[in-house]
Protein backbone atom coordinates (compact mmCIF):
# COMPACT_ATOMS: atom_id res chain seq x y z
CA MET A 1 9.79 29.63 3.33
CA SER A 2 6.93 26.55 2.48
CA THR A 3 8.25 23.46 0.78
CA ASP A 4 5.93 21.94 -1.49
CA ARG A 5 6.12 18.01 -0.56
CA SER A 6 5.21 17.09 -3.86
CA GLU A 7 8.83 18.21 -4.77
CA LEU A 8 10.75 16.30 -2.06
CA VAL A 9 13.25 13.38 -3.49
CA THR A 10 14.88 11.00 -2.37
CA PRO A 11 18.05 9.05 -3.59
CA ASP A 12 17.08 6.64 -6.35
CA LEU A 13 17.80 3.04 -4.64
CA ALA A 14 19.00 1.30 -7.48
CA ASP A 15 21.96 3.64 -7.68
CA PRO A 16 23.65 2.69 -4.03
CA VAL A 17 27.20 4.29 -4.86
CA GLY A 18 26.12 7.23 -4.67
CA SER A 19 24.84 9.90 -7.92
CA ASN A 20 22.74 13.05 -8.41
CA THR A 21 20.02 10.90 -9.82
CA ARG A 22 16.73 11.62 -7.61
CA VAL A 23 13.45 10.37 -7.79
CA PRO A 24 10.37 12.36 -7.04
CA LEU A 25 8.78 11.16 -3.73
CA THR A 26 5.57 10.39 -5.50
CA VAL A 27 7.52 7.73 -7.73
CA TYR A 28 9.27 6.48 -4.99
CA LEU A 29 6.04 5.30 -2.69
CA GLY A 30 5.03 4.25 -6.11
CA ARG A 31 7.47 1.33 -6.75
CA MET A 32 5.94 0.27 -3.32
CA ARG A 33 2.76 -0.99 -5.14
CA GLY A 34 4.36 -3.77 -7.14
CA ALA A 35 2.96 -4.73 -10.29
CA PRO A 36 0.00 -7.67 -11.38
CA ARG A 37 1.18 -10.70 -11.60
CA THR A 38 1.91 -12.20 -15.19
CA VAL A 39 0.19 -15.64 -16.58
CA SER A 40 4.18 -17.09 -16.07
CA GLN A 41 4.03 -15.90 -12.97
CA GLN A 42 0.95 -18.21 -11.95
CA ARG A 43 0.99 -21.00 -9.76
CA ARG A 44 0.87 -24.69 -12.16
CA LEU A 45 -1.29 -26.96 -10.34
CA SER A 46 -0.14 -29.43 -12.53
CA ALA A 47 3.75 -29.55 -10.81
CA VAL A 48 2.23 -29.69 -7.31
CA PRO A 49 2.57 -33.56 -7.37
CA LEU A 50 6.31 -33.55 -8.61
CA THR A 51 6.62 -30.69 -5.83
CA PHE A 52 5.24 -32.90 -3.07
CA ALA A 53 7.20 -36.00 -4.42
CA GLY A 54 10.28 -34.30 -4.26
CA THR A 55 10.18 -32.63 -1.21
CA PHE A 56 9.04 -35.83 0.86
CA ILE A 57 12.00 -37.93 -0.86
CA GLY A 58 14.72 -35.50 -0.16
CA ILE A 59 14.12 -34.44 3.09
CA TYR A 60 12.88 -38.67 4.04
CA LEU A 61 16.35 -39.54 2.64
CA ILE A 62 18.11 -37.06 5.07
CA SER A 63 16.43 -37.92 8.21
CA ILE A 64 16.57 -41.97 7.56
CA PRO A 65 20.26 -42.33 9.14
CA SER A 66 19.00 -40.46 12.55
CA LEU A 67 16.46 -43.86 12.47
CA PHE A 68 18.80 -46.26 12.84
CA PRO A 69 21.58 -45.34 16.12
CA SER A 70 23.56 -47.97 15.02
CA TRP A 71 24.32 -46.36 11.78
CA PRO A 72 28.33 -44.30 11.34
CA LEU A 73 26.31 -41.14 10.74
CA SER A 74 23.14 -41.57 13.04
CA THR A 75 24.24 -38.68 14.97
CA LYS A 76 25.65 -36.29 12.28
CA LEU A 77 23.53 -36.44 9.29
CA PHE A 78 19.82 -35.72 10.53
CA LEU A 79 17.43 -32.79 9.62
CA VAL A 80 17.78 -29.02 10.09
CA GLY A 81 14.97 -26.65 9.59
CA SER A 82 16.91 -24.75 6.63
CA PHE A 83 16.46 -27.99 4.76
CA GLY A 84 12.67 -26.80 4.34
CA ALA A 85 13.38 -23.92 3.37
CA SER A 86 15.86 -25.13 0.63
CA ALA A 87 13.18 -27.72 -0.64
CA VAL A 88 10.79 -24.93 -1.03
CA LEU A 89 13.45 -23.52 -4.07
CA LEU A 90 14.74 -26.86 -5.20
CA PHE A 91 11.00 -27.75 -6.27
CA ALA A 92 8.54 -25.08 -6.03
CA ALA A 93 10.93 -22.72 -7.71
CA PRO A 94 13.85 -24.86 -9.56
CA ARG A 95 14.60 -22.22 -12.61
CA ALA A 96 15.12 -19.05 -9.86
CA GLU A 97 18.74 -18.31 -9.49
CA PHE A 98 19.45 -19.20 -5.44
CA ALA A 99 17.67 -22.46 -6.52
CA GLN A 100 20.73 -23.37 -8.51
CA PRO A 101 23.23 -25.98 -7.63
CA ARG A 102 26.18 -22.97 -7.18
CA ASN A 103 23.79 -20.93 -4.60
CA ALA A 104 22.11 -23.95 -2.84
CA ILE A 105 25.51 -25.99 -2.02
CA ALA A 106 28.07 -23.20 -1.73
CA GLY A 107 25.53 -20.88 0.23
CA GLN A 108 24.49 -23.40 2.40
CA VAL A 109 28.42 -24.42 3.41
CA ILE A 110 29.62 -21.19 3.57
CA ALA A 111 26.87 -20.01 5.61
CA ALA A 112 27.28 -23.45 7.88
CA ALA A 113 31.09 -22.54 8.28
CA VAL A 114 30.73 -19.20 9.24
CA GLY A 115 27.92 -19.66 11.83
CA VAL A 116 30.10 -22.14 13.24
CA THR A 117 33.11 -19.57 13.74
CA ALA A 118 30.67 -16.99 15.20
CA TYR A 119 29.60 -19.67 18.02
CA LYS A 120 33.12 -20.43 18.80
CA LEU A 121 34.40 -16.80 18.72
CA LEU A 122 31.25 -15.04 20.17
CA GLY A 123 29.47 -18.02 21.92
CA ALA A 124 29.49 -16.57 24.89
CA HIS A 125 27.33 -13.29 24.01
CA ILE A 126 24.83 -15.43 21.93
CA GLY A 127 23.01 -11.86 20.70
CA LEU A 128 25.51 -10.94 19.13
CA ALA A 129 27.08 -13.98 17.97
CA ALA A 130 23.68 -14.34 16.29
CA ALA A 131 23.41 -10.99 14.38
CA VAL A 132 27.25 -11.14 13.53
CA GLY A 133 27.38 -15.06 12.18
CA VAL A 134 24.13 -14.37 9.88
CA ALA A 135 25.20 -10.88 8.63
CA ALA A 136 29.00 -12.13 7.85
CA ALA A 137 27.08 -15.05 6.16
CA VAL A 138 25.27 -13.02 4.19
CA CYS A 139 27.76 -10.85 2.95
CA VAL A 140 30.05 -13.72 1.92
CA MET A 141 27.54 -15.47 -0.05
CA GLN A 142 26.97 -12.24 -1.93
CA VAL A 143 30.93 -11.77 -2.42
CA THR A 144 30.67 -15.53 -3.47
CA ARG A 145 27.72 -15.14 -5.78
CA THR A 146 26.60 -17.95 -3.80
CA VAL A 147 22.98 -16.54 -2.25
CA HIS A 148 20.73 -19.14 -1.01
CA PRO A 149 18.27 -17.26 1.26
CA PRO A 150 17.69 -20.37 3.67
CA ALA A 151 21.42 -20.33 4.60
CA GLY A 152 20.77 -17.52 7.04
CA ALA A 153 18.62 -20.12 9.10
CA THR A 154 21.41 -22.17 8.96
CA ALA A 155 24.17 -20.24 10.02
CA LEU A 156 21.73 -19.22 12.72
CA ILE A 157 20.93 -22.82 13.32
CA ALA A 158 24.75 -23.31 14.09
CA ILE A 159 24.97 -20.28 16.69
CA LEU A 160 21.26 -20.99 18.31
CA GLY A 161 22.14 -24.79 18.07
CA PRO A 162 20.44 -27.47 19.77
CA ALA A 163 23.20 -28.39 21.71
CA GLN A 164 23.84 -31.64 19.06
CA VAL A 165 24.75 -28.55 16.61
CA HIS A 166 27.25 -27.35 18.98
CA ARG A 167 29.21 -30.70 19.75
CA LEU A 168 29.48 -31.11 16.09
CA GLY A 169 31.43 -28.19 15.54
CA TYR A 170 32.73 -27.84 12.40
CA ASP A 171 31.65 -31.04 11.36
CA TYR A 172 28.22 -29.80 11.08
CA VAL A 173 29.67 -28.37 7.64
CA LEU A 174 30.01 -31.55 6.36
CA THR A 175 27.56 -33.36 7.70
CA PRO A 176 24.34 -32.66 7.74
CA ILE A 177 24.94 -29.53 5.66
CA LEU A 178 26.65 -30.60 2.95
CA ILE A 179 25.56 -34.17 2.52
CA GLY A 180 21.98 -33.22 2.98
CA MET A 181 22.23 -30.55 0.64
CA LEU A 182 23.78 -33.07 -2.07
CA ILE A 183 20.54 -35.72 -1.34
CA LEU A 184 18.17 -32.69 -1.79
CA ILE A 185 20.25 -31.79 -5.19
CA ALA A 186 20.03 -35.19 -5.94
CA VAL A 187 16.59 -35.89 -5.81
CA THR A 188 15.75 -32.58 -7.76
CA LEU A 189 18.17 -33.63 -10.67
CA VAL A 190 15.41 -36.92 -10.70
CA VAL A 191 12.11 -35.53 -9.73
CA ASN A 192 12.04 -31.94 -11.73
CA ASN A 193 13.41 -33.35 -14.89
CA LEU A 194 10.19 -35.88 -14.97
CA SER A 195 8.41 -32.69 -15.73
CA PRO A 196 7.44 -32.06 -19.68
CA ASP A 197 7.35 -28.69 -18.54
CA LYS A 198 10.59 -26.96 -19.74
CA ASN A 199 10.16 -24.27 -16.87
CA ARG A 200 10.70 -26.98 -14.57
CA HIS A 201 14.00 -28.72 -16.04
CA TYR A 202 16.64 -28.55 -13.30
CA PRO A 203 19.66 -26.86 -12.93
CA ALA A 204 19.37 -24.10 -15.16
CA THR A 205 23.16 -23.16 -14.69
CA TRP A 206 25.43 -25.30 -12.86
CA TRP A 207 28.02 -22.68 -12.11
């Protein structure tokens, strides 16, 4: 018996719990086309100078202690790659849910703690540790409503190193992660609210 491919259906992805709702395959594939950009989604060139200023100041402030070996935090406060990704959200998409203080701070801290734990428990099998650490970090952020995409890299850095990170152990959660994010958030509050554009004001919500 032949089957008409146009009648093939697939479960509605919007209903992961499971129901009888089904959509035609053509509709499902059509969702992948996306939609045209609207005016509100276009990049606003007037915001670029503030984006540059905020990102530059935030990242540079975090790096300063590492430039002075005699400082108490010189071996603990340093740049990690996920700060760059956080800066993109904070200064280029400050109204996004993932960029709000709850997500940015708590998400990074949670991911750091999970990553360190995964390394301590499974560090002998680095691939397994990386997979478990990042997956667990993402799930915990989902449960606690603190999803912050750059935090996935924070968990992975805790597992892959470098050795300087491994030596920190759980201190990694406090510094550089927590202190570094507090610096970025402070700079975001000062710089983003200089703009007259209400779409750039920060935060949209604290909690």
